[in-house]
Every structure is written in structure tokens, then in C-alpha cells.
């Protein structure tokens, strides 16, 4: 009987001590900040993308000026690269290849792997870096990656440097046409 009382007294003491500890914690002032869903979706460096999502625009539409019917007193979106080089790069690449990544802040466009001319054993991937705010011939850097499939394994292959230079010239020529058309 005495051991039974000691056991229950120990349980009651433990409950009482726990209650005192928990009640003393309630006097600590804590502030719970409500988080916006956009804080979870967008990283801090994605300010432009977040603003576009909040005002309901399309990213490419804002860059190229296709969203004319929207509120005229909304903020202007500025990209850190030449808009003519940027648009020309997008037009040239997206007309033939699927785009995997487009980032106007860094000026990088990356295509997905793509097989040309029904050659299932060859594929290419193109990366374009628009690195100038001015419309200049050296404002675009193109890299082409080529792979050939041998025995179910993709192996890197060399790309003719003339193909890279021709693609850069095509983008610059298109950017010049866009700049002339806008003036």
C-alpha cells in the first residue's frame, strides 16, 4: 500500500512540475509572422518573377510588350540585358528547339537536348549568354554541345566553330532588325 501511494505521489509530483514549467513558458512573448505563399514559392532574388505573378502578367509578354491591355500605372519591368539581343536569341532558338531554361536576370537561355534532321543517334544542346546592355556584336556568346550515341551511351562530340559563329551572327542580325523596327 505504501509503495502504491509513493508511485501515485511521484506521478502527481511529475504532473505538477510539468504544469509549472509549461505555465512559466507561456509568459515568454513570441510573435508568429504570417508568411505569404509567394515567400515560399519565390526565392529572394526572383523579385521580377514574383512581381509578374502578383500582377498576373506573362514574363515574355512584359519583356516584348505584348500585354498592352493591362494597367498603365503598373511598374516597369527592366531586364539587365539588351532587349533586342534577348528577344532575338529567344526567337532564333525557340523557332527550332525546345527551351529548358530562360533567365533574363542573368541573360542565359538553355535549350533542351534536341535531335536534328531525324538523326536519332545525334543530339545537340545550345546555351546563349546575352552579356551586354548595349546592342553590340560581342554581346552574345553561344555554346553548342553535341553528343553521339554509341552502344546506348551518349558521348560528347566536337562542334564545328563555324556553326557557333553563324548562330551568333544570326542572333545579332535579328537583333539589329528588331532595333531598326522599334525606331
C-alpha atoms as a PDB file:
ATOM      1  CA  UNK A   1       0.000   0.000   0.000  1.00  0.00           C
ATOM      2  CA  UNK A   2       2.823   2.403   0.818  1.00  0.00           C
ATOM      3  CA  UNK A   3       4.567   1.646  -2.472  1.00  0.00           C
ATOM      4  CA  UNK A   4       1.268   2.280  -4.269  1.00  0.00           C
ATOM      5  CA  UNK A   5       0.997   5.720  -2.619  1.00  0.00           C
ATOM      6  CA  UNK A   6       4.628   6.551  -3.403  1.00  0.00           C
ATOM      7  CA  UNK A   7       4.079   5.632  -7.054  1.00  0.00           C
ATOM      8  CA  UNK A   8       0.967   7.857  -7.315  1.00  0.00           C
ATOM      9  CA  UNK A   9       2.668  10.652  -5.374  1.00  0.00           C
ATOM     10  CA  UNK A  10       5.582  10.512  -7.817  1.00  0.00           C
ATOM     11  CA  UNK A  11       3.152  10.699 -10.772  1.00  0.00           C
ATOM     12  CA  UNK A  12       1.276  13.624  -9.253  1.00  0.00           C
ATOM     13  CA  UNK A  13       4.571  15.410  -8.495  1.00  0.00           C
ATOM     14  CA  UNK A  14       5.754  14.889 -12.076  1.00  0.00           C
ATOM     15  CA  UNK A  15       2.487  16.245 -13.470  1.00  0.00           C
ATOM     16  CA  UNK A  16       2.609  19.232 -11.118  1.00  0.00           C
ATOM     17  CA  UNK A  17       6.221  20.080 -12.041  1.00  0.00           C
ATOM     18  CA  UNK A  18       5.442  19.717 -15.755  1.00  0.00           C
ATOM     19  CA  UNK A  19       2.450  22.020 -15.412  1.00  0.00           C
ATOM     20  CA  UNK A  20       4.546  24.640 -13.609  1.00  0.00           C
ATOM     21  CA  UNK A  21       7.234  24.519 -16.281  1.00  0.00           C
ATOM     22  CA  UNK A  22       4.735  24.805 -19.112  1.00  0.00           C
ATOM     23  CA  UNK A  23       2.849  27.653 -17.452  1.00  0.00           C
ATOM     24  CA  UNK A  24       6.090  29.576 -16.920  1.00  0.00           C
ATOM     25  CA  UNK A  25       6.825  29.245 -20.640  1.00  0.00           C
ATOM     26  CA  UNK A  26       3.547  30.919 -21.516  1.00  0.00           C
ATOM     27  CA  UNK A  27       4.850  34.258 -20.224  1.00  0.00           C
ATOM     28  CA  UNK A  28       7.501  34.331 -22.968  1.00  0.00           C
ATOM     29  CA  UNK A  29       6.465  36.794 -25.650  1.00  0.00           C
ATOM     30  CA  UNK A  30       6.618  35.221 -29.117  1.00  0.00           C
ATOM     31  CA  UNK A  31       5.487  36.694 -32.375  1.00  0.00           C
ATOM     32  CA  UNK A  32       4.276  34.496 -35.166  1.00  0.00           C
ATOM     33  CA  UNK A  33       4.697  36.148 -38.543  1.00  0.00           C
ATOM     34  CA  UNK A  34       2.286  35.123 -41.250  1.00  0.00           C
ATOM     35  CA  UNK A  35       4.113  34.041 -44.375  1.00  0.00           C
ATOM     36  CA  UNK A  36       2.792  34.868 -47.790  1.00  0.00           C
ATOM     37  CA  UNK A  37       2.613  31.902 -50.158  1.00  0.00           C
ATOM     38  CA  UNK A  38       4.813  33.845 -52.586  1.00  0.00           C
ATOM     39  CA  UNK A  39       7.555  33.919 -49.941  1.00  0.00           C
ATOM     40  CA  UNK A  40       7.582  30.138 -50.149  1.00  0.00           C
ATOM     41  CA  UNK A  41       7.335  29.855 -53.939  1.00  0.00           C
ATOM     42  CA  UNK A  42       9.842  32.544 -54.942  1.00  0.00           C
ATOM     43  CA  UNK A  43      13.415  32.956 -53.745  1.00  0.00           C
ATOM     44  CA  UNK A  44      14.506  36.494 -52.718  1.00  0.00           C
ATOM     45  CA  UNK A  45      16.488  37.006 -55.955  1.00  0.00           C
ATOM     46  CA  UNK A  46      13.366  36.286 -58.057  1.00  0.00           C
ATOM     47  CA  UNK A  47      11.840  39.723 -57.478  1.00  0.00           C
ATOM     48  CA  UNK A  48      10.785  40.265 -61.104  1.00  0.00           C
ATOM     49  CA  UNK A  49       9.124  36.856 -61.405  1.00  0.00           C
ATOM     50  CA  UNK A  50       7.239  37.469 -58.147  1.00  0.00           C
ATOM     51  CA  UNK A  51       6.012  40.884 -59.289  1.00  0.00           C
ATOM     52  CA  UNK A  52       4.800  39.383 -62.547  1.00  0.00           C
ATOM     53  CA  UNK A  53       2.945  36.626 -60.727  1.00  0.00           C
ATOM     54  CA  UNK A  54       1.306  39.110 -58.364  1.00  0.00           C
ATOM     55  CA  UNK A  55       0.047  41.354 -61.155  1.00  0.00           C
ATOM     56  CA  UNK A  56      -0.963  38.460 -63.393  1.00  0.00           C
ATOM     57  CA  UNK A  57       1.240  39.181 -66.388  1.00  0.00           C
ATOM     58  CA  UNK A  58       3.246  36.907 -68.551  1.00  0.00           C
ATOM     59  CA  UNK A  59       7.003  37.195 -68.314  1.00  0.00           C
ATOM     60  CA  UNK A  60       7.654  37.086 -72.050  1.00  0.00           C
ATOM     61  CA  UNK A  61       4.667  39.313 -72.723  1.00  0.00           C
ATOM     62  CA  UNK A  62       6.063  42.002 -70.422  1.00  0.00           C
ATOM     63  CA  UNK A  63       9.526  41.795 -71.962  1.00  0.00           C
ATOM     64  CA  UNK A  64       8.239  42.027 -75.510  1.00  0.00           C
ATOM     65  CA  UNK A  65       5.419  44.455 -74.783  1.00  0.00           C
ATOM     66  CA  UNK A  66       2.575  42.094 -75.722  1.00  0.00           C
ATOM     67  CA  UNK A  67       0.455  42.844 -72.636  1.00  0.00           C
ATOM     68  CA  UNK A  68      -0.945  46.183 -73.817  1.00  0.00           C
ATOM     69  CA  UNK A  69      -4.361  45.971 -72.177  1.00  0.00           C
ATOM     70  CA  UNK A  70      -3.095  45.894 -68.626  1.00  0.00           C
ATOM     71  CA  UNK A  71      -3.000  48.651 -66.056  1.00  0.00           C
ATOM     72  CA  UNK A  72      -0.863  51.526 -67.336  1.00  0.00           C
ATOM     73  CA  UNK A  73       0.365  52.616 -63.909  1.00  0.00           C
ATOM     74  CA  UNK A  74       1.943  49.254 -63.106  1.00  0.00           C
ATOM     75  CA  UNK A  75       5.687  49.086 -62.511  1.00  0.00           C
ATOM     76  CA  UNK A  76       8.019  48.821 -65.474  1.00  0.00           C
ATOM     77  CA  UNK A  77       9.946  45.559 -65.616  1.00  0.00           C
ATOM     78  CA  UNK A  78      13.546  46.054 -66.604  1.00  0.00           C
ATOM     79  CA  UNK A  79      15.896  43.326 -67.697  1.00  0.00           C
ATOM     80  CA  UNK A  80      19.635  43.601 -67.237  1.00  0.00           C
ATOM     81  CA  UNK A  81      20.494  42.719 -70.845  1.00  0.00           C
ATOM     82  CA  UNK A  82      19.838  44.333 -74.198  1.00  0.00           C
ATOM     83  CA  UNK A  83      16.170  43.683 -75.022  1.00  0.00           C
ATOM     84  CA  UNK A  84      16.819  43.333 -78.757  1.00  0.00           C
ATOM     85  CA  UNK A  85      19.582  40.753 -78.255  1.00  0.00           C
ATOM     86  CA  UNK A  86      17.387  38.966 -75.709  1.00  0.00           C
ATOM     87  CA  UNK A  87      14.324  38.836 -77.950  1.00  0.00           C
ATOM     88  CA  UNK A  88      16.369  37.834 -80.989  1.00  0.00           C
ATOM     89  CA  UNK A  89      18.001  34.999 -79.040  1.00  0.00           C
ATOM     90  CA  UNK A  90      14.621  33.732 -77.897  1.00  0.00           C
ATOM     91  CA  UNK A  91      13.145  33.962 -81.403  1.00  0.00           C
ATOM     92  CA  UNK A  92      16.039  32.147 -83.070  1.00  0.00           C
ATOM     93  CA  UNK A  93      16.248  29.339 -80.523  1.00  0.00           C
ATOM     94  CA  UNK A  94      12.573  28.786 -79.807  1.00  0.00           C
ATOM     95  CA  UNK A  95      11.725  28.530 -83.500  1.00  0.00           C
ATOM     96  CA  UNK A  96      13.617  25.237 -83.811  1.00  0.00           C
ATOM     97  CA  UNK A  97      14.376  23.860 -80.352  1.00  0.00           C
ATOM     98  CA  UNK A  98      12.541  23.392 -77.042  1.00  0.00           C
ATOM     99  CA  UNK A  99      13.743  25.774 -74.329  1.00  0.00           C
ATOM    100  CA  UNK A 100      14.708  24.252 -70.992  1.00  0.00           C
ATOM    101  CA  UNK A 101      15.643  27.385 -69.036  1.00  0.00           C
ATOM    102  CA  UNK A 102      15.223  31.129 -69.607  1.00  0.00           C
ATOM    103  CA  UNK A 103      16.560  33.705 -67.123  1.00  0.00           C
ATOM    104  CA  UNK A 104      16.536  37.359 -68.126  1.00  0.00           C
ATOM    105  CA  UNK A 105      18.325  38.466 -64.958  1.00  0.00           C
ATOM    106  CA  UNK A 106      21.445  36.514 -65.842  1.00  0.00           C
ATOM    107  CA  UNK A 107      20.868  36.668 -69.613  1.00  0.00           C
ATOM    108  CA  UNK A 108      21.026  32.886 -70.024  1.00  0.00           C
ATOM    109  CA  UNK A 109      18.900  30.779 -72.359  1.00  0.00           C
ATOM    110  CA  UNK A 110      19.364  26.991 -72.368  1.00  0.00           C
ATOM    111  CA  UNK A 111      17.673  24.626 -74.775  1.00  0.00           C
ATOM    112  CA  UNK A 112      16.755  21.052 -74.105  1.00  0.00           C
ATOM    113  CA  UNK A 113      18.586  18.228 -75.888  1.00  0.00           C
ATOM    114  CA  UNK A 114      17.280  18.040 -79.440  1.00  0.00           C
ATOM    115  CA  UNK A 115      17.843  15.608 -82.323  1.00  0.00           C
ATOM    116  CA  UNK A 116      18.226  17.310 -85.686  1.00  0.00           C
ATOM    117  CA  UNK A 117      17.162  16.051 -89.113  1.00  0.00           C
ATOM    118  CA  UNK A 118      15.853  12.681 -87.950  1.00  0.00           C
ATOM    119  CA  UNK A 119      19.268  11.610 -86.641  1.00  0.00           C
ATOM    120  CA  UNK A 120      18.283   9.700 -83.523  1.00  0.00           C
ATOM    121  CA  UNK A 121      21.900   8.925 -82.667  1.00  0.00           C
ATOM    122  CA  UNK A 122      22.907  12.635 -82.501  1.00  0.00           C
ATOM    123  CA  UNK A 123      21.630  15.386 -80.265  1.00  0.00           C
ATOM    124  CA  UNK A 124      22.565  18.986 -79.532  1.00  0.00           C
ATOM    125  CA  UNK A 125      22.016  21.443 -76.717  1.00  0.00           C
ATOM    126  CA  UNK A 126      22.575  25.191 -77.052  1.00  0.00           C
ATOM    127  CA  UNK A 127      23.326  27.786 -74.393  1.00  0.00           C
ATOM    128  CA  UNK A 128      23.135  31.503 -75.167  1.00  0.00           C
ATOM    129  CA  UNK A 129      24.532  34.155 -72.850  1.00  0.00           C
ATOM    130  CA  UNK A 130      23.425  37.717 -73.526  1.00  0.00           C
ATOM    131  CA  UNK A 131      26.057  39.659 -71.612  1.00  0.00           C
ATOM    132  CA  UNK A 132      25.585  43.263 -72.671  1.00  0.00           C
ATOM    133  CA  UNK A 133      23.054  46.006 -72.026  1.00  0.00           C
ATOM    134  CA  UNK A 134      24.136  47.571 -75.342  1.00  0.00           C
ATOM    135  CA  UNK A 135      23.419  46.188 -78.798  1.00  0.00           C
ATOM    136  CA  UNK A 136      26.937  45.014 -79.670  1.00  0.00           C
ATOM    137  CA  UNK A 137      28.355  42.203 -81.776  1.00  0.00           C
ATOM    138  CA  UNK A 138      30.144  40.729 -78.755  1.00  0.00           C
ATOM    139  CA  UNK A 139      27.021  40.969 -76.582  1.00  0.00           C
ATOM    140  CA  UNK A 140      26.058  37.344 -77.300  1.00  0.00           C
ATOM    141  CA  UNK A 141      28.023  34.195 -76.506  1.00  0.00           C
ATOM    142  CA  UNK A 142      26.739  30.896 -77.921  1.00  0.00           C
ATOM    143  CA  UNK A 143      27.858  27.445 -76.791  1.00  0.00           C
ATOM    144  CA  UNK A 144      26.741  24.308 -78.603  1.00  0.00           C
ATOM    145  CA  UNK A 145      27.074  20.865 -77.072  1.00  0.00           C
ATOM    146  CA  UNK A 146      26.826  17.794 -79.280  1.00  0.00           C
ATOM    147  CA  UNK A 147      26.552  14.145 -78.310  1.00  0.00           C
ATOM    148  CA  UNK A 148      26.583  10.975 -80.377  1.00  0.00           C
ATOM    149  CA  UNK A 149      25.010   7.741 -79.175  1.00  0.00           C
ATOM    150  CA  UNK A 150      27.243   4.659 -79.343  1.00  0.00           C
ATOM    151  CA  UNK A 151      26.078   1.399 -77.750  1.00  0.00           C
ATOM    152  CA  UNK A 152      23.318   3.102 -75.715  1.00  0.00           C
ATOM    153  CA  UNK A 153      25.777   5.666 -74.300  1.00  0.00           C
ATOM    154  CA  UNK A 154      25.859   9.361 -75.176  1.00  0.00           C
ATOM    155  CA  UNK A 155      29.412  10.570 -75.867  1.00  0.00           C
ATOM    156  CA  UNK A 156      30.461  14.190 -76.337  1.00  0.00           C
ATOM    157  CA  UNK A 157      31.493  15.210 -79.836  1.00  0.00           C
ATOM    158  CA  UNK A 158      33.206  18.288 -81.254  1.00  0.00           C
ATOM    159  CA  UNK A 159      31.144  21.053 -82.790  1.00  0.00           C
ATOM    160  CA  UNK A 160      32.376  22.987 -85.800  1.00  0.00           C
ATOM    161  CA  UNK A 161      33.260  26.503 -84.531  1.00  0.00           C
ATOM    162  CA  UNK A 162      31.798  27.974 -87.738  1.00  0.00           C
ATOM    163  CA  UNK A 163      28.340  26.743 -86.674  1.00  0.00           C
ATOM    164  CA  UNK A 164      28.682  28.607 -83.365  1.00  0.00           C
ATOM    165  CA  UNK A 165      29.844  31.784 -85.147  1.00  0.00           C
ATOM    166  CA  UNK A 166      26.993  31.540 -87.682  1.00  0.00           C
ATOM    167  CA  UNK A 167      24.403  31.201 -84.930  1.00  0.00           C
ATOM    168  CA  UNK A 168      25.851  34.218 -83.093  1.00  0.00           C
ATOM    169  CA  UNK A 169      25.731  36.249 -86.317  1.00  0.00           C
ATOM    170  CA  UNK A 170      22.125  35.180 -86.938  1.00  0.00           C
ATOM    171  CA  UNK A 171      21.102  36.364 -83.460  1.00  0.00           C
ATOM    172  CA  UNK A 172      22.953  39.679 -83.860  1.00  0.00           C
ATOM    173  CA  UNK A 173      21.438  40.238 -87.315  1.00  0.00           C
ATOM    174  CA  UNK A 174      17.928  39.545 -85.933  1.00  0.00           C
ATOM    175  CA  UNK A 175      18.590  41.911 -83.002  1.00  0.00           C
ATOM    176  CA  UNK A 176      19.598  44.623 -85.460  1.00  0.00           C
ATOM    177  CA  UNK A 177      16.380  44.142 -87.399  1.00  0.00           C
ATOM    178  CA  UNK A 178      14.358  44.353 -84.179  1.00  0.00           C
ATOM    179  CA  UNK A 179      16.179  47.507 -83.118  1.00  0.00           C
ATOM    180  CA  UNK A 180      15.566  49.162 -86.503  1.00  0.00           C
ATOM    181  CA  UNK A 181      11.902  48.183 -86.442  1.00  0.00           C
ATOM    182  CA  UNK A 182      11.431  49.740 -82.988  1.00  0.00           C
ATOM    183  CA  UNK A 183      12.982  53.073 -84.038  1.00  0.00           C
END
